[in-house]
Amino acid sequence: MGISLDGLRDKNLMQLKKLNLALFPVRYNDKYYADALSSGEFTKLAYYSDICVGAIACRLEKMEGGSVRAYIMTLGVLAPYRGLGIGTKLLNHVMELSAKQNISEIYLHVQTNNDDAIAFYKKFGFEIAETIQNYYTNISPPDCYVVSKLLPVSSAKK
């Protein structure tokens, strides 16, 4: 099975831009790409037989009290490559990394009509935390769910 993950760098940033154009109805700005680059291991491109077919891009957010949570800005796999475990591999990577780094929560926004995505995240123990009306400006429906997974944080510092 030829799925490999690679870190995001300036030289392969175009891959992420191309993927996002193909995958999402939203256009992402420079801040998105700056956040993706600065999140280090939390943003990964997925390759299947050396073709870039998917990606997860996260932003780390410091909370009051010093805890950190991971926000999944985007997670997507090109349609012909869905069902091969690529999205699972990307999400598992971020969940494992978060657990290692004592990140207390992973969350994201999902359009309310995106049943596939909602079912995908629920499989991994994510739950719908809230609904935000009119979150999206240019797509319909404009409403989204905040989908969240709380992670067990070990109090012992390693």
C-alpha atoms as a PDB file:
ATOM      1  CA  MET A   1       0.000   0.000   0.000  1.00  0.00           C
ATOM      2  CA  GLY A   2       1.704   3.154  -1.159  1.00  0.00           C
ATOM      3  CA  ILE A   3       0.516   5.901   1.194  1.00  0.00           C
ATOM      4  CA  SER A   4       3.193   8.214   2.525  1.00  0.00           C
ATOM      5  CA  LEU A   5       3.018  11.483   4.442  1.00  0.00           C
ATOM      6  CA  ASP A   6       5.326  14.410   3.923  1.00  0.00           C
ATOM      7  CA  GLY A   7       5.770  17.658   5.806  1.00  0.00           C
ATOM      8  CA  LEU A   8       4.751  20.977   4.284  1.00  0.00           C
ATOM      9  CA  ARG A   9       7.574  23.236   3.143  1.00  0.00           C
ATOM     10  CA  ASP A  10       7.873  26.269   0.903  1.00  0.00           C
ATOM     11  CA  LYS A  11       8.892  24.077  -1.991  1.00  0.00           C
ATOM     12  CA  ASN A  12       5.762  21.891  -1.889  1.00  0.00           C
ATOM     13  CA  LEU A  13       3.292  24.558  -0.771  1.00  0.00           C
ATOM     14  CA  MET A  14       1.933  24.688  -4.330  1.00  0.00           C
ATOM     15  CA  GLN A  15       0.772  21.071  -3.920  1.00  0.00           C
ATOM     16  CA  LEU A  16      -1.428  22.104  -1.005  1.00  0.00           C
ATOM     17  CA  LYS A  17      -2.780  25.074  -2.965  1.00  0.00           C
ATOM     18  CA  LYS A  18      -3.679  22.837  -5.913  1.00  0.00           C
ATOM     19  CA  LEU A  19      -5.349  20.285  -3.641  1.00  0.00           C
ATOM     20  CA  ASN A  20      -7.414  22.947  -1.907  1.00  0.00           C
ATOM     21  CA  LEU A  21      -8.583  24.345  -5.240  1.00  0.00           C
ATOM     22  CA  ALA A  22      -9.757  20.882  -6.259  1.00  0.00           C
ATOM     23  CA  LEU A  23     -11.278  19.912  -2.909  1.00  0.00           C
ATOM     24  CA  PHE A  24     -12.951  22.874  -1.269  1.00  0.00           C
ATOM     25  CA  PRO A  25     -15.531  25.484  -2.228  1.00  0.00           C
ATOM     26  CA  VAL A  26     -13.617  28.063  -0.176  1.00  0.00           C
ATOM     27  CA  ARG A  27     -10.553  30.014  -1.297  1.00  0.00           C
ATOM     28  CA  TYR A  28      -7.841  30.155   1.336  1.00  0.00           C
ATOM     29  CA  ASN A  29      -5.778  33.247   2.042  1.00  0.00           C
ATOM     30  CA  ASP A  30      -2.106  33.771   2.820  1.00  0.00           C
ATOM     31  CA  LYS A  31      -2.741  33.523   6.554  1.00  0.00           C
ATOM     32  CA  TYR A  32      -4.061  29.993   6.082  1.00  0.00           C
ATOM     33  CA  TYR A  33      -0.849  28.969   4.300  1.00  0.00           C
ATOM     34  CA  ALA A  34       1.347  30.773   6.842  1.00  0.00           C
ATOM     35  CA  ASP A  35      -0.473  28.942   9.678  1.00  0.00           C
ATOM     36  CA  ALA A  36      -0.142  25.632   7.845  1.00  0.00           C
ATOM     37  CA  LEU A  37       3.601  26.134   7.363  1.00  0.00           C
ATOM     38  CA  SER A  38       4.153  27.205  10.963  1.00  0.00           C
ATOM     39  CA  SER A  39       2.280  24.245  12.465  1.00  0.00           C
ATOM     40  CA  GLY A  40       5.217  21.971  11.623  1.00  0.00           C
ATOM     41  CA  GLU A  41       4.343  18.290  11.906  1.00  0.00           C
ATOM     42  CA  PHE A  42       0.646  19.134  12.250  1.00  0.00           C
ATOM     43  CA  THR A  43       0.323  19.797   8.533  1.00  0.00           C
ATOM     44  CA  LYS A  44       0.986  16.884   6.186  1.00  0.00           C
ATOM     45  CA  LEU A  45       0.604  16.125   2.519  1.00  0.00           C
ATOM     46  CA  ALA A  46      -0.461  12.581   1.628  1.00  0.00           C
ATOM     47  CA  TYR A  47       0.989  10.812  -1.383  1.00  0.00           C
ATOM     48  CA  TYR A  48      -0.392   7.707  -2.995  1.00  0.00           C
ATOM     49  CA  SER A  49       2.103   6.055  -5.346  1.00  0.00           C
ATOM     50  CA  ASP A  50       4.026   9.348  -5.339  1.00  0.00           C
ATOM     51  CA  ILE A  51       0.996  11.435  -6.378  1.00  0.00           C
ATOM     52  CA  CYS A  52      -0.128  14.131  -3.943  1.00  0.00           C
ATOM     53  CA  VAL A  53      -3.757  13.168  -3.292  1.00  0.00           C
ATOM     54  CA  GLY A  54      -4.626  14.590   0.121  1.00  0.00           C
ATOM     55  CA  ALA A  55      -3.609  16.799   3.001  1.00  0.00           C
ATOM     56  CA  ILE A  56      -4.359  17.831   6.533  1.00  0.00           C
ATOM     57  CA  ALA A  57      -3.573  21.392   7.587  1.00  0.00           C
ATOM     58  CA  CYS A  58      -3.768  22.470  11.213  1.00  0.00           C
ATOM     59  CA  ARG A  59      -3.292  25.583  13.267  1.00  0.00           C
ATOM     60  CA  LEU A  60      -2.217  25.391  16.911  1.00  0.00           C
ATOM     61  CA  GLU A  61      -4.045  27.724  19.257  1.00  0.00           C
ATOM     62  CA  LYS A  62      -2.837  28.679  22.707  1.00  0.00           C
ATOM     63  CA  MET A  63      -5.629  28.757  25.255  1.00  0.00           C
ATOM     64  CA  GLU A  64      -5.894  30.690  28.483  1.00  0.00           C
ATOM     65  CA  GLY A  65      -4.035  28.795  31.163  1.00  0.00           C
ATOM     66  CA  GLY A  66      -1.389  27.640  28.715  1.00  0.00           C
ATOM     67  CA  SER A  67      -3.085  24.626  27.183  1.00  0.00           C
ATOM     68  CA  VAL A  68      -2.992  24.233  23.432  1.00  0.00           C
ATOM     69  CA  ARG A  69      -5.629  22.971  21.061  1.00  0.00           C
ATOM     70  CA  ALA A  70      -5.288  21.931  17.453  1.00  0.00           C
ATOM     71  CA  TYR A  71      -7.662  23.330  14.863  1.00  0.00           C
ATOM     72  CA  ILE A  72      -7.990  21.304  11.668  1.00  0.00           C
ATOM     73  CA  MET A  73      -8.247  23.993   9.007  1.00  0.00           C
ATOM     74  CA  THR A  74      -8.605  21.469   6.202  1.00  0.00           C
ATOM     75  CA  LEU A  75      -8.524  17.725   5.711  1.00  0.00           C
ATOM     76  CA  GLY A  76      -9.245  16.413   2.265  1.00  0.00           C
ATOM     77  CA  VAL A  77      -8.517  13.599  -0.161  1.00  0.00           C
ATOM     78  CA  LEU A  78      -9.168  13.719  -3.893  1.00  0.00           C
ATOM     79  CA  ALA A  79     -12.328  11.786  -4.816  1.00  0.00           C
ATOM     80  CA  PRO A  80     -10.740   8.910  -6.780  1.00  0.00           C
ATOM     81  CA  TYR A  81      -8.499   8.146  -3.778  1.00  0.00           C
ATOM     82  CA  ARG A  82     -11.152   8.143  -1.074  1.00  0.00           C
ATOM     83  CA  GLY A  83     -11.808   4.936   0.824  1.00  0.00           C
ATOM     84  CA  LEU A  84      -8.148   3.885   0.733  1.00  0.00           C
ATOM     85  CA  GLY A  85      -7.385   4.959   4.301  1.00  0.00           C
ATOM     86  CA  ILE A  86      -5.605   8.184   3.360  1.00  0.00           C
ATOM     87  CA  GLY A  87      -7.870  10.521   5.360  1.00  0.00           C
ATOM     88  CA  THR A  88      -7.686   8.055   8.263  1.00  0.00           C
ATOM     89  CA  LYS A  89      -3.895   8.075   8.118  1.00  0.00           C
ATOM     90  CA  LEU A  90      -3.807  11.880   8.079  1.00  0.00           C
ATOM     91  CA  LEU A  91      -6.249  12.231  10.978  1.00  0.00           C
ATOM     92  CA  ASN A  92      -4.559   9.495  13.028  1.00  0.00           C
ATOM     93  CA  HIS A  93      -1.222  11.249  12.533  1.00  0.00           C
ATOM     94  CA  VAL A  94      -2.601  14.481  14.009  1.00  0.00           C
ATOM     95  CA  MET A  95      -4.410  12.673  16.859  1.00  0.00           C
ATOM     96  CA  GLU A  96      -1.256  10.754  17.825  1.00  0.00           C
ATOM     97  CA  LEU A  97       0.904  13.863  17.580  1.00  0.00           C
ATOM     98  CA  SER A  98      -1.608  15.810  19.690  1.00  0.00           C
ATOM     99  CA  ALA A  99      -1.652  13.115  22.372  1.00  0.00           C
ATOM    100  CA  LYS A 100       2.161  13.112  22.487  1.00  0.00           C
ATOM    101  CA  GLN A 101       2.280  16.887  22.831  1.00  0.00           C
ATOM    102  CA  ASN A 102      -0.419  17.042  25.511  1.00  0.00           C
ATOM    103  CA  ILE A 103      -2.843  18.916  23.319  1.00  0.00           C
ATOM    104  CA  SER A 104      -6.214  18.935  25.043  1.00  0.00           C
ATOM    105  CA  GLU A 105      -8.557  19.215  22.077  1.00  0.00           C
ATOM    106  CA  ILE A 106      -8.763  18.858  18.317  1.00  0.00           C
ATOM    107  CA  TYR A 107     -11.597  20.669  16.599  1.00  0.00           C
ATOM    108  CA  LEU A 108     -12.806  21.833  13.217  1.00  0.00           C
ATOM    109  CA  HIS A 109     -15.728  23.360  11.361  1.00  0.00           C
ATOM    110  CA  VAL A 110     -17.830  21.203   9.030  1.00  0.00           C
ATOM    111  CA  GLN A 111     -20.574  22.429   6.725  1.00  0.00           C
ATOM    112  CA  THR A 112     -23.898  21.134   8.120  1.00  0.00           C
ATOM    113  CA  ASN A 113     -24.776  19.255   4.921  1.00  0.00           C
ATOM    114  CA  ASN A 114     -21.415  17.453   4.675  1.00  0.00           C
ATOM    115  CA  ASP A 115     -22.686  14.090   5.896  1.00  0.00           C
ATOM    116  CA  ASP A 116     -19.613  12.202   4.716  1.00  0.00           C
ATOM    117  CA  ALA A 117     -17.261  14.391   6.724  1.00  0.00           C
ATOM    118  CA  ILE A 118     -19.484  14.324   9.806  1.00  0.00           C
ATOM    119  CA  ALA A 119     -19.686  10.521   9.673  1.00  0.00           C
ATOM    120  CA  PHE A 120     -15.912  10.317   9.136  1.00  0.00           C
ATOM    121  CA  TYR A 121     -15.095  12.373  12.230  1.00  0.00           C
ATOM    122  CA  LYS A 122     -17.700  10.607  14.382  1.00  0.00           C
ATOM    123  CA  LYS A 123     -15.934   7.332  13.577  1.00  0.00           C
ATOM    124  CA  PHE A 124     -12.904   8.751  15.394  1.00  0.00           C
ATOM    125  CA  GLY A 125     -14.842   9.888  18.456  1.00  0.00           C
ATOM    126  CA  PHE A 126     -15.419  13.488  17.440  1.00  0.00           C
ATOM    127  CA  GLU A 127     -18.702  14.998  18.552  1.00  0.00           C
ATOM    128  CA  ILE A 128     -20.754  17.937  17.344  1.00  0.00           C
ATOM    129  CA  ALA A 129     -20.162  20.601  19.979  1.00  0.00           C
ATOM    130  CA  GLU A 130     -22.209  23.441  18.508  1.00  0.00           C
ATOM    131  CA  THR A 131     -23.847  24.803  15.392  1.00  0.00           C
ATOM    132  CA  ILE A 132     -22.855  28.195  14.010  1.00  0.00           C
ATOM    133  CA  GLN A 133     -25.356  29.932  11.749  1.00  0.00           C
ATOM    134  CA  ASN A 134     -24.036  31.776   8.701  1.00  0.00           C
ATOM    135  CA  TYR A 135     -20.415  30.796   9.294  1.00  0.00           C
ATOM    136  CA  TYR A 136     -19.638  30.631   5.574  1.00  0.00           C
ATOM    137  CA  THR A 137     -20.210  33.665   3.413  1.00  0.00           C
ATOM    138  CA  ASN A 138     -20.165  32.353  -0.152  1.00  0.00           C
ATOM    139  CA  ILE A 139     -21.392  28.777   0.041  1.00  0.00           C
ATOM    140  CA  SER A 140     -24.719  27.174   0.744  1.00  0.00           C
ATOM    141  CA  PRO A 141     -25.771  26.122   3.288  1.00  0.00           C
ATOM    142  CA  PRO A 142     -23.821  28.789   5.199  1.00  0.00           C
ATOM    143  CA  ASP A 143     -24.118  26.982   8.552  1.00  0.00           C
ATOM    144  CA  CYS A 144     -21.488  24.790  10.140  1.00  0.00           C
ATOM    145  CA  TYR A 145     -20.982  22.447  13.044  1.00  0.00           C
ATOM    146  CA  VAL A 146     -18.065  22.726  15.402  1.00  0.00           C
ATOM    147  CA  VAL A 147     -16.863  19.142  15.653  1.00  0.00           C
ATOM    148  CA  SER A 148     -14.554  18.450  18.570  1.00  0.00           C
ATOM    149  CA  LYS A 149     -12.614  15.679  20.252  1.00  0.00           C
ATOM    150  CA  LEU A 150     -11.209  16.104  23.736  1.00  0.00           C
ATOM    151  CA  LEU A 151      -7.968  14.274  24.350  1.00  0.00           C
ATOM    152  CA  PRO A 152      -6.817  12.812  27.650  1.00  0.00           C
ATOM    153  CA  VAL A 153      -4.001  15.049  28.829  1.00  0.00           C
ATOM    154  CA  SER A 154      -1.464  13.485  31.132  1.00  0.00           C
ATOM    155  CA  SER A 155      -0.560  15.836  33.940  1.00  0.00           C
ATOM    156  CA  ALA A 156       2.894  14.295  34.305  1.00  0.00           C
ATOM    157  CA  LYS A 157       5.523  16.269  32.426  1.00  0.00           C
ATOM    158  CA  LYS A 158       7.868  13.996  30.502  1.00  0.00           C
END
